[in-house]
Amino acid sequence: RSTNPSYPGLIFGLGSDRASHHHVLGSTGAFADAGRYTYVTGSGKNRSTHTWHFAAFRLPRPMPHLLLDAKSNNMLGSNLPISLRRDQRVSLGSPFDDHYTLYAPNSYESDAFFLFPPNVMEALLDATSDYDIEIVDDWMLLYTRSHQDLADPRTWELFETIDESVVDGLSRVSQRYTDRRAQASSATPGEPARAIAAEGQRLARSPMKVLVSMGVMVGVWLLMRFVIF
């Protein structure tokens, strides 16, 4: 058990009592970590423990913040715990759009096309199914609510496939990628050059899920008052 894992992904900064459980760490190579991750929201009777299974892979250099929301694990909407602004959605065409909703920071649409060439898209479709995928800083993070059995050889075969196809493909294309906005914003004498401009480092979030949750709570409260009175 490790407390407060420091990955920059969207699920790792939520709630409290954050910890990784029964996880396996890799000290070298692209594979970094895989296991179960939990965090807590609320308190008292409203206290909830949220459980995810994850895998983390290192990338050779920082990339723009990109999120692939897998459609296979959605029900009424995205299963992710946060909402992103809809104007950041990018279409890469069929069949990729049939499996994933891609988010990229505003004005980074063409960058997403460059970073996901056909061979990387094909590798993603072949290797992953129930994982949401986040690329942030120099990490590729995979999330799923489904059980991830680290004692099953098939899990490690999947990770090996992801390493050899998806991570390798992203690594190769990232070596040819340059964020010209970062070069322009680092033109001040004495300021160190940044790999990714500030506007490309993080996707903009939407308050929609917070509003929906508040609406559900108000609805339950009104229903209880109606039943009681």
C-alpha atoms as a PDB file:
ATOM      1  CA  ARG A   1       0.000   0.000   0.000  1.00  0.00           C
ATOM      2  CA  SER A   2       1.363   3.417  -0.998  1.00  0.00           C
ATOM      3  CA  THR A   3      -0.292   6.654   0.074  1.00  0.00           C
ATOM      4  CA  ASN A   4      -0.876   9.635  -2.205  1.00  0.00           C
ATOM      5  CA  PRO A   5       0.599   8.376  -5.491  1.00  0.00           C
ATOM      6  CA  SER A   6       1.952  11.406  -7.300  1.00  0.00           C
ATOM      7  CA  TYR A   7       0.722  10.709 -10.831  1.00  0.00           C
ATOM      8  CA  PRO A   8      -0.759  13.773 -12.564  1.00  0.00           C
ATOM      9  CA  GLY A   9      -3.853  11.960 -13.883  1.00  0.00           C
ATOM     10  CA  LEU A  10      -7.376  13.163 -13.241  1.00  0.00           C
ATOM     11  CA  ILE A  11      -8.352  10.432 -10.757  1.00  0.00           C
ATOM     12  CA  PHE A  12      -5.258  10.917  -8.598  1.00  0.00           C
ATOM     13  CA  GLY A  13      -6.113  14.375  -7.256  1.00  0.00           C
ATOM     14  CA  LEU A  14      -9.652  13.695  -6.053  1.00  0.00           C
ATOM     15  CA  GLY A  15     -10.949  13.197  -2.530  1.00  0.00           C
ATOM     16  CA  SER A  16      -8.851  12.192   0.467  1.00  0.00           C
ATOM     17  CA  ASP A  17      -7.176   9.061   1.869  1.00  0.00           C
ATOM     18  CA  ARG A  18      -5.725   8.419  -1.562  1.00  0.00           C
ATOM     19  CA  ALA A  19      -3.730   5.191  -1.868  1.00  0.00           C
ATOM     20  CA  SER A  20      -2.548   2.477  -4.230  1.00  0.00           C
ATOM     21  CA  HIS A  21      -3.085  -1.105  -3.065  1.00  0.00           C
ATOM     22  CA  HIS A  22      -1.482  -4.403  -4.059  1.00  0.00           C
ATOM     23  CA  HIS A  23       0.363  -2.664  -6.842  1.00  0.00           C
ATOM     24  CA  VAL A  24       3.463  -3.646  -8.766  1.00  0.00           C
ATOM     25  CA  LEU A  25       6.179  -1.100  -9.494  1.00  0.00           C
ATOM     26  CA  GLY A  26       8.724  -1.138 -12.297  1.00  0.00           C
ATOM     27  CA  SER A  27      11.973   0.752 -11.764  1.00  0.00           C
ATOM     28  CA  THR A  28      13.138   0.720 -15.386  1.00  0.00           C
ATOM     29  CA  GLY A  29      11.550   0.727 -18.818  1.00  0.00           C
ATOM     30  CA  ALA A  30       8.233   2.150 -19.926  1.00  0.00           C
ATOM     31  CA  PHE A  31       6.081   0.169 -17.489  1.00  0.00           C
ATOM     32  CA  ALA A  32       5.953   2.012 -14.162  1.00  0.00           C
ATOM     33  CA  ASP A  33       3.064   0.830 -12.001  1.00  0.00           C
ATOM     34  CA  ALA A  34      -0.186  -1.143 -11.953  1.00  0.00           C
ATOM     35  CA  GLY A  35      -2.679  -1.968  -9.247  1.00  0.00           C
ATOM     36  CA  ARG A  36      -5.779  -0.840  -7.409  1.00  0.00           C
ATOM     37  CA  TYR A  37      -6.333   2.805  -6.444  1.00  0.00           C
ATOM     38  CA  THR A  38      -8.849   4.205  -3.973  1.00  0.00           C
ATOM     39  CA  TYR A  39      -9.884   7.608  -2.689  1.00  0.00           C
ATOM     40  CA  VAL A  40     -12.609   8.813  -0.326  1.00  0.00           C
ATOM     41  CA  THR A  41     -15.203  11.549  -0.731  1.00  0.00           C
ATOM     42  CA  GLY A  42     -17.695  12.885   1.786  1.00  0.00           C
ATOM     43  CA  SER A  43     -17.866  12.132   5.495  1.00  0.00           C
ATOM     44  CA  GLY A  44     -20.137  10.390   7.978  1.00  0.00           C
ATOM     45  CA  LYS A  45     -23.123   8.734   6.318  1.00  0.00           C
ATOM     46  CA  ASN A  46     -22.124  10.352   3.006  1.00  0.00           C
ATOM     47  CA  ARG A  47     -18.615   8.888   3.061  1.00  0.00           C
ATOM     48  CA  SER A  48     -17.858   6.923  -0.105  1.00  0.00           C
ATOM     49  CA  THR A  49     -14.792   4.968  -1.191  1.00  0.00           C
ATOM     50  CA  HIS A  50     -14.122   5.046  -4.929  1.00  0.00           C
ATOM     51  CA  THR A  51     -12.116   2.191  -6.459  1.00  0.00           C
ATOM     52  CA  TRP A  52     -10.256   2.170  -9.743  1.00  0.00           C
ATOM     53  CA  HIS A  53      -7.713  -0.133 -11.320  1.00  0.00           C
ATOM     54  CA  PHE A  54      -4.860   1.545 -13.164  1.00  0.00           C
ATOM     55  CA  ALA A  55      -1.652   1.102 -15.091  1.00  0.00           C
ATOM     56  CA  ALA A  56       1.018   3.748 -15.631  1.00  0.00           C
ATOM     57  CA  PHE A  57       3.551   3.908 -18.452  1.00  0.00           C
ATOM     58  CA  ARG A  58       6.383   6.397 -18.838  1.00  0.00           C
ATOM     59  CA  LEU A  59       6.766   8.424 -22.014  1.00  0.00           C
ATOM     60  CA  PRO A  60      10.148   9.801 -23.112  1.00  0.00           C
ATOM     61  CA  ARG A  61       9.004  13.431 -23.096  1.00  0.00           C
ATOM     62  CA  PRO A  62       6.012  15.591 -22.094  1.00  0.00           C
ATOM     63  CA  MET A  63       3.019  15.723 -24.405  1.00  0.00           C
ATOM     64  CA  PRO A  64      -0.168  17.823 -24.542  1.00  0.00           C
ATOM     65  CA  HIS A  65      -2.950  16.710 -22.222  1.00  0.00           C
ATOM     66  CA  LEU A  66      -5.097  14.200 -24.124  1.00  0.00           C
ATOM     67  CA  LEU A  67      -7.908  11.986 -22.863  1.00  0.00           C
ATOM     68  CA  LEU A  68      -9.460   8.969 -24.549  1.00  0.00           C
ATOM     69  CA  ASP A  69     -12.806   8.203 -22.923  1.00  0.00           C
ATOM     70  CA  ALA A  70     -13.606   4.578 -23.821  1.00  0.00           C
ATOM     71  CA  LYS A  71     -17.208   4.113 -24.877  1.00  0.00           C
ATOM     72  CA  SER A  72     -17.231   0.427 -23.906  1.00  0.00           C
ATOM     73  CA  ASN A  73     -17.368   1.227 -20.180  1.00  0.00           C
ATOM     74  CA  ASN A  74     -19.945   4.042 -20.338  1.00  0.00           C
ATOM     75  CA  MET A  75     -23.601   3.635 -19.410  1.00  0.00           C
ATOM     76  CA  LEU A  76     -25.789   6.753 -19.314  1.00  0.00           C
ATOM     77  CA  GLY A  77     -22.670   8.853 -19.814  1.00  0.00           C
ATOM     78  CA  SER A  78     -18.967   8.829 -19.151  1.00  0.00           C
ATOM     79  CA  ASN A  79     -17.847   6.710 -16.204  1.00  0.00           C
ATOM     80  CA  LEU A  80     -15.053   9.177 -15.448  1.00  0.00           C
ATOM     81  CA  PRO A  81     -15.399  11.104 -12.171  1.00  0.00           C
ATOM     82  CA  ILE A  82     -14.983  14.507 -13.816  1.00  0.00           C
ATOM     83  CA  SER A  83     -16.499  16.191 -16.872  1.00  0.00           C
ATOM     84  CA  LEU A  84     -14.529  17.976 -19.539  1.00  0.00           C
ATOM     85  CA  ARG A  85     -15.725  20.853 -21.688  1.00  0.00           C
ATOM     86  CA  ARG A  86     -17.419  19.492 -24.792  1.00  0.00           C
ATOM     87  CA  ASP A  87     -15.730  22.025 -27.075  1.00  0.00           C
ATOM     88  CA  GLN A  88     -12.475  20.093 -26.536  1.00  0.00           C
ATOM     89  CA  ARG A  89     -13.762  16.991 -28.318  1.00  0.00           C
ATOM     90  CA  VAL A  90     -11.796  16.005 -31.408  1.00  0.00           C
ATOM     91  CA  SER A  91     -12.958  13.579 -34.072  1.00  0.00           C
ATOM     92  CA  LEU A  92     -10.379  11.263 -35.637  1.00  0.00           C
ATOM     93  CA  GLY A  93     -12.997   9.549 -37.777  1.00  0.00           C
ATOM     94  CA  SER A  94     -14.381   6.039 -37.894  1.00  0.00           C
ATOM     95  CA  PRO A  95     -13.680   3.419 -36.572  1.00  0.00           C
ATOM     96  CA  PHE A  96     -11.715   5.226 -33.860  1.00  0.00           C
ATOM     97  CA  ASP A  97     -14.627   7.506 -32.911  1.00  0.00           C
ATOM     98  CA  ASP A  98     -16.806   4.411 -32.464  1.00  0.00           C
ATOM     99  CA  HIS A  99     -14.619   3.288 -29.566  1.00  0.00           C
ATOM    100  CA  TYR A 100     -13.266   6.473 -27.989  1.00  0.00           C
ATOM    101  CA  THR A 101     -14.189  10.095 -27.363  1.00  0.00           C
ATOM    102  CA  LEU A 102     -10.969  12.079 -27.689  1.00  0.00           C
ATOM    103  CA  TYR A 103     -10.416  15.333 -25.788  1.00  0.00           C
ATOM    104  CA  ALA A 104      -7.608  17.770 -26.592  1.00  0.00           C
ATOM    105  CA  PRO A 105      -7.027  21.330 -25.326  1.00  0.00           C
ATOM    106  CA  ASN A 106      -8.518  24.071 -27.479  1.00  0.00           C
ATOM    107  CA  SER A 107      -6.322  24.870 -30.504  1.00  0.00           C
ATOM    108  CA  TYR A 108      -4.555  21.492 -30.164  1.00  0.00           C
ATOM    109  CA  GLU A 109      -6.827  19.666 -32.617  1.00  0.00           C
ATOM    110  CA  SER A 110      -4.144  19.414 -35.314  1.00  0.00           C
ATOM    111  CA  ASP A 111      -1.621  18.303 -32.682  1.00  0.00           C
ATOM    112  CA  ALA A 112      -3.935  15.422 -31.762  1.00  0.00           C
ATOM    113  CA  PHE A 113      -4.031  14.329 -35.409  1.00  0.00           C
ATOM    114  CA  PHE A 114      -0.224  14.380 -35.484  1.00  0.00           C
ATOM    115  CA  LEU A 115       0.156  12.470 -32.201  1.00  0.00           C
ATOM    116  CA  PHE A 116      -2.380   9.799 -33.171  1.00  0.00           C
ATOM    117  CA  PRO A 117      -1.316   8.647 -36.643  1.00  0.00           C
ATOM    118  CA  PRO A 118      -3.037   5.581 -38.122  1.00  0.00           C
ATOM    119  CA  ASN A 119      -0.546   3.090 -36.649  1.00  0.00           C
ATOM    120  CA  VAL A 120      -1.064   4.436 -33.098  1.00  0.00           C
ATOM    121  CA  MET A 121      -4.856   4.454 -33.512  1.00  0.00           C
ATOM    122  CA  GLU A 122      -4.748   0.882 -34.790  1.00  0.00           C
ATOM    123  CA  ALA A 123      -2.564  -0.170 -31.852  1.00  0.00           C
ATOM    124  CA  LEU A 124      -4.994   1.442 -29.397  1.00  0.00           C
ATOM    125  CA  LEU A 125      -7.973  -0.340 -30.946  1.00  0.00           C
ATOM    126  CA  ASP A 126      -6.155  -3.679 -30.934  1.00  0.00           C
ATOM    127  CA  ALA A 127      -4.635  -3.488 -27.438  1.00  0.00           C
ATOM    128  CA  THR A 128      -7.154  -1.826 -25.129  1.00  0.00           C
ATOM    129  CA  SER A 129     -10.883  -2.229 -24.627  1.00  0.00           C
ATOM    130  CA  ASP A 130     -12.239  -1.336 -21.200  1.00  0.00           C
ATOM    131  CA  TYR A 131      -9.590   1.243 -20.276  1.00  0.00           C
ATOM    132  CA  ASP A 132      -9.925   5.008 -20.352  1.00  0.00           C
ATOM    133  CA  ILE A 133      -6.569   6.452 -21.397  1.00  0.00           C
ATOM    134  CA  GLU A 134      -5.033   9.720 -20.281  1.00  0.00           C
ATOM    135  CA  ILE A 135      -1.834  11.219 -21.649  1.00  0.00           C
ATOM    136  CA  VAL A 136      -0.575  13.959 -19.360  1.00  0.00           C
ATOM    137  CA  ASP A 137       2.939  15.369 -18.944  1.00  0.00           C
ATOM    138  CA  ASP A 138       5.262  12.413 -19.653  1.00  0.00           C
ATOM    139  CA  TRP A 139       2.795   9.706 -18.606  1.00  0.00           C
ATOM    140  CA  MET A 140       0.250   7.453 -20.243  1.00  0.00           C
ATOM    141  CA  LEU A 141      -2.282   6.351 -17.607  1.00  0.00           C
ATOM    142  CA  LEU A 142      -4.940   3.666 -18.018  1.00  0.00           C
ATOM    143  CA  TYR A 143      -8.050   3.512 -15.817  1.00  0.00           C
ATOM    144  CA  THR A 144     -10.813   0.959 -15.437  1.00  0.00           C
ATOM    145  CA  ARG A 145     -13.541   0.166 -12.920  1.00  0.00           C
ATOM    146  CA  SER A 146     -13.367  -3.468 -13.981  1.00  0.00           C
ATOM    147  CA  HIS A 147     -11.263  -5.937 -12.046  1.00  0.00           C
ATOM    148  CA  GLN A 148      -7.615  -6.060 -13.066  1.00  0.00           C
ATOM    149  CA  ASP A 149      -6.053  -9.329 -11.933  1.00  0.00           C
ATOM    150  CA  LEU A 150      -2.287  -8.937 -11.566  1.00  0.00           C
ATOM    151  CA  ALA A 151      -2.004 -12.672 -10.855  1.00  0.00           C
ATOM    152  CA  ASP A 152      -3.362 -13.481 -14.313  1.00  0.00           C
ATOM    153  CA  PRO A 153      -0.682 -13.853 -17.022  1.00  0.00           C
ATOM    154  CA  ARG A 154      -3.128 -12.404 -19.550  1.00  0.00           C
ATOM    155  CA  THR A 155      -2.987  -9.052 -17.727  1.00  0.00           C
ATOM    156  CA  TRP A 156       0.772  -8.904 -18.191  1.00  0.00           C
ATOM    157  CA  GLU A 157       0.475 -10.021 -21.796  1.00  0.00           C
ATOM    158  CA  LEU A 158      -1.867  -7.051 -22.337  1.00  0.00           C
ATOM    159  CA  PHE A 159       0.571  -4.658 -20.658  1.00  0.00           C
ATOM    160  CA  GLU A 160       3.384  -6.026 -22.815  1.00  0.00           C
ATOM    161  CA  THR A 161       1.292  -5.473 -25.942  1.00  0.00           C
ATOM    162  CA  ILE A 162       0.500  -1.904 -24.843  1.00  0.00           C
ATOM    163  CA  ASP A 163       4.191  -1.268 -24.160  1.00  0.00           C
ATOM    164  CA  GLU A 164       5.367  -2.658 -27.495  1.00  0.00           C
ATOM    165  CA  SER A 165       2.668  -1.085 -29.673  1.00  0.00           C
ATOM    166  CA  VAL A 166       0.912   1.920 -28.106  1.00  0.00           C
ATOM    167  CA  VAL A 167       3.700   3.302 -25.901  1.00  0.00           C
ATOM    168  CA  ASP A 168       6.345   2.630 -28.531  1.00  0.00           C
ATOM    169  CA  GLY A 169       4.225   4.320 -31.214  1.00  0.00           C
ATOM    170  CA  LEU A 170       3.548   7.375 -29.038  1.00  0.00           C
ATOM    171  CA  SER A 171       7.225   7.562 -28.088  1.00  0.00           C
ATOM    172  CA  ARG A 172       8.311   7.598 -31.706  1.00  0.00           C
ATOM    173  CA  VAL A 173       5.837  10.271 -32.773  1.00  0.00           C
ATOM    174  CA  SER A 174       6.564  12.403 -29.683  1.00  0.00           C
ATOM    175  CA  GLN A 175      10.215  12.618 -30.711  1.00  0.00           C
ATOM    176  CA  ARG A 176       9.108  14.399 -33.891  1.00  0.00           C
ATOM    177  CA  TYR A 177       6.568  16.635 -32.141  1.00  0.00           C
ATOM    178  CA  THR A 178       7.211  20.288 -31.284  1.00  0.00           C
ATOM    179  CA  ASP A 179       4.740  22.591 -29.567  1.00  0.00           C
ATOM    180  CA  ARG A 180       5.387  25.888 -31.322  1.00  0.00           C
ATOM    181  CA  ARG A 181       3.277  27.723 -28.740  1.00  0.00           C
ATOM    182  CA  ALA A 182       5.788  26.733 -26.068  1.00  0.00           C
ATOM    183  CA  GLN A 183       8.646  28.099 -28.155  1.00  0.00           C
ATOM    184  CA  ALA A 184       6.797  31.391 -28.647  1.00  0.00           C
ATOM    185  CA  SER A 185       5.917  31.721 -24.946  1.00  0.00           C
ATOM    186  CA  SER A 186       9.514  30.997 -23.902  1.00  0.00           C
ATOM    187  CA  ALA A 187      10.964  33.858 -25.943  1.00  0.00           C
ATOM    188  CA  THR A 188      11.690  35.921 -22.814  1.00  0.00           C
ATOM    189  CA  PRO A 189      15.476  36.127 -22.252  1.00  0.00           C
ATOM    190  CA  GLY A 190      16.588  33.910 -19.399  1.00  0.00           C
ATOM    191  CA  GLU A 191      13.338  31.912 -19.291  1.00  0.00           C
ATOM    192  CA  PRO A 192      13.858  28.165 -19.796  1.00  0.00           C
ATOM    193  CA  ALA A 193      12.138  26.644 -22.806  1.00  0.00           C
ATOM    194  CA  ARG A 194       9.018  24.587 -22.050  1.00  0.00           C
ATOM    195  CA  ALA A 195       8.133  21.402 -23.883  1.00  0.00           C
ATOM    196  CA  ILE A 196       4.381  22.135 -23.803  1.00  0.00           C
ATOM    197  CA  ALA A 197       2.746  25.562 -23.562  1.00  0.00           C
ATOM    198  CA  ALA A 198       0.639  26.255 -20.477  1.00  0.00           C
ATOM    199  CA  GLU A 199      -2.634  26.114 -22.426  1.00  0.00           C
ATOM    200  CA  GLY A 200      -1.814  22.602 -23.650  1.00  0.00           C
ATOM    201  CA  GLN A 201      -0.757  21.111 -20.324  1.00  0.00           C
ATOM    202  CA  ARG A 202      -4.234  20.602 -18.855  1.00  0.00           C
ATOM    203  CA  LEU A 203      -7.711  20.068 -20.285  1.00  0.00           C
ATOM    204  CA  ALA A 204     -10.447  22.448 -19.118  1.00  0.00           C
ATOM    205  CA  ARG A 205     -12.996  20.858 -16.825  1.00  0.00           C
ATOM    206  CA  SER A 206     -16.744  21.356 -16.856  1.00  0.00           C
ATOM    207  CA  PRO A 207     -18.821  21.810 -13.675  1.00  0.00           C
ATOM    208  CA  MET A 208     -21.573  19.617 -15.150  1.00  0.00           C
ATOM    209  CA  LYS A 209     -21.034  16.554 -12.922  1.00  0.00           C
ATOM    210  CA  VAL A 210     -21.005  18.720  -9.809  1.00  0.00           C
ATOM    211  CA  LEU A 211     -24.280  20.349 -10.863  1.00  0.00           C
ATOM    212  CA  VAL A 212     -25.868  16.986 -11.649  1.00  0.00           C
ATOM    213  CA  SER A 213     -24.814  15.586  -8.265  1.00  0.00           C
ATOM    214  CA  MET A 214     -26.252  18.605  -6.475  1.00  0.00           C
ATOM    215  CA  GLY A 215     -29.474  18.227  -8.454  1.00  0.00           C
ATOM    216  CA  VAL A 216     -29.777  14.561  -7.459  1.00  0.00           C
ATOM    217  CA  MET A 217     -29.224  15.426  -3.789  1.00  0.00           C
ATOM    218  CA  VAL A 218     -31.879  18.157  -3.909  1.00  0.00           C
ATOM    219  CA  GLY A 219     -34.299  15.775  -5.635  1.00  0.00           C
ATOM    220  CA  VAL A 220     -33.787  13.092  -2.972  1.00  0.00           C
ATOM    221  CA  TRP A 221     -34.297  15.681  -0.199  1.00  0.00           C
ATOM    222  CA  LEU A 222     -37.556  16.902  -1.778  1.00  0.00           C
ATOM    223  CA  LEU A 223     -38.770  13.340  -2.241  1.00  0.00           C
ATOM    224  CA  MET A 224     -38.069  12.535   1.410  1.00  0.00           C
ATOM    225  CA  ARG A 225     -39.985  15.625   2.527  1.00  0.00           C
ATOM    226  CA  PHE A 226     -42.913  14.619   0.319  1.00  0.00           C
ATOM    227  CA  VAL A 227     -42.944  11.062   1.714  1.00  0.00           C
ATOM    228  CA  ILE A 228     -42.642  12.237   5.333  1.00  0.00           C
ATOM    229  CA  PHE A 229     -45.299  14.938   5.107  1.00  0.00           C
END
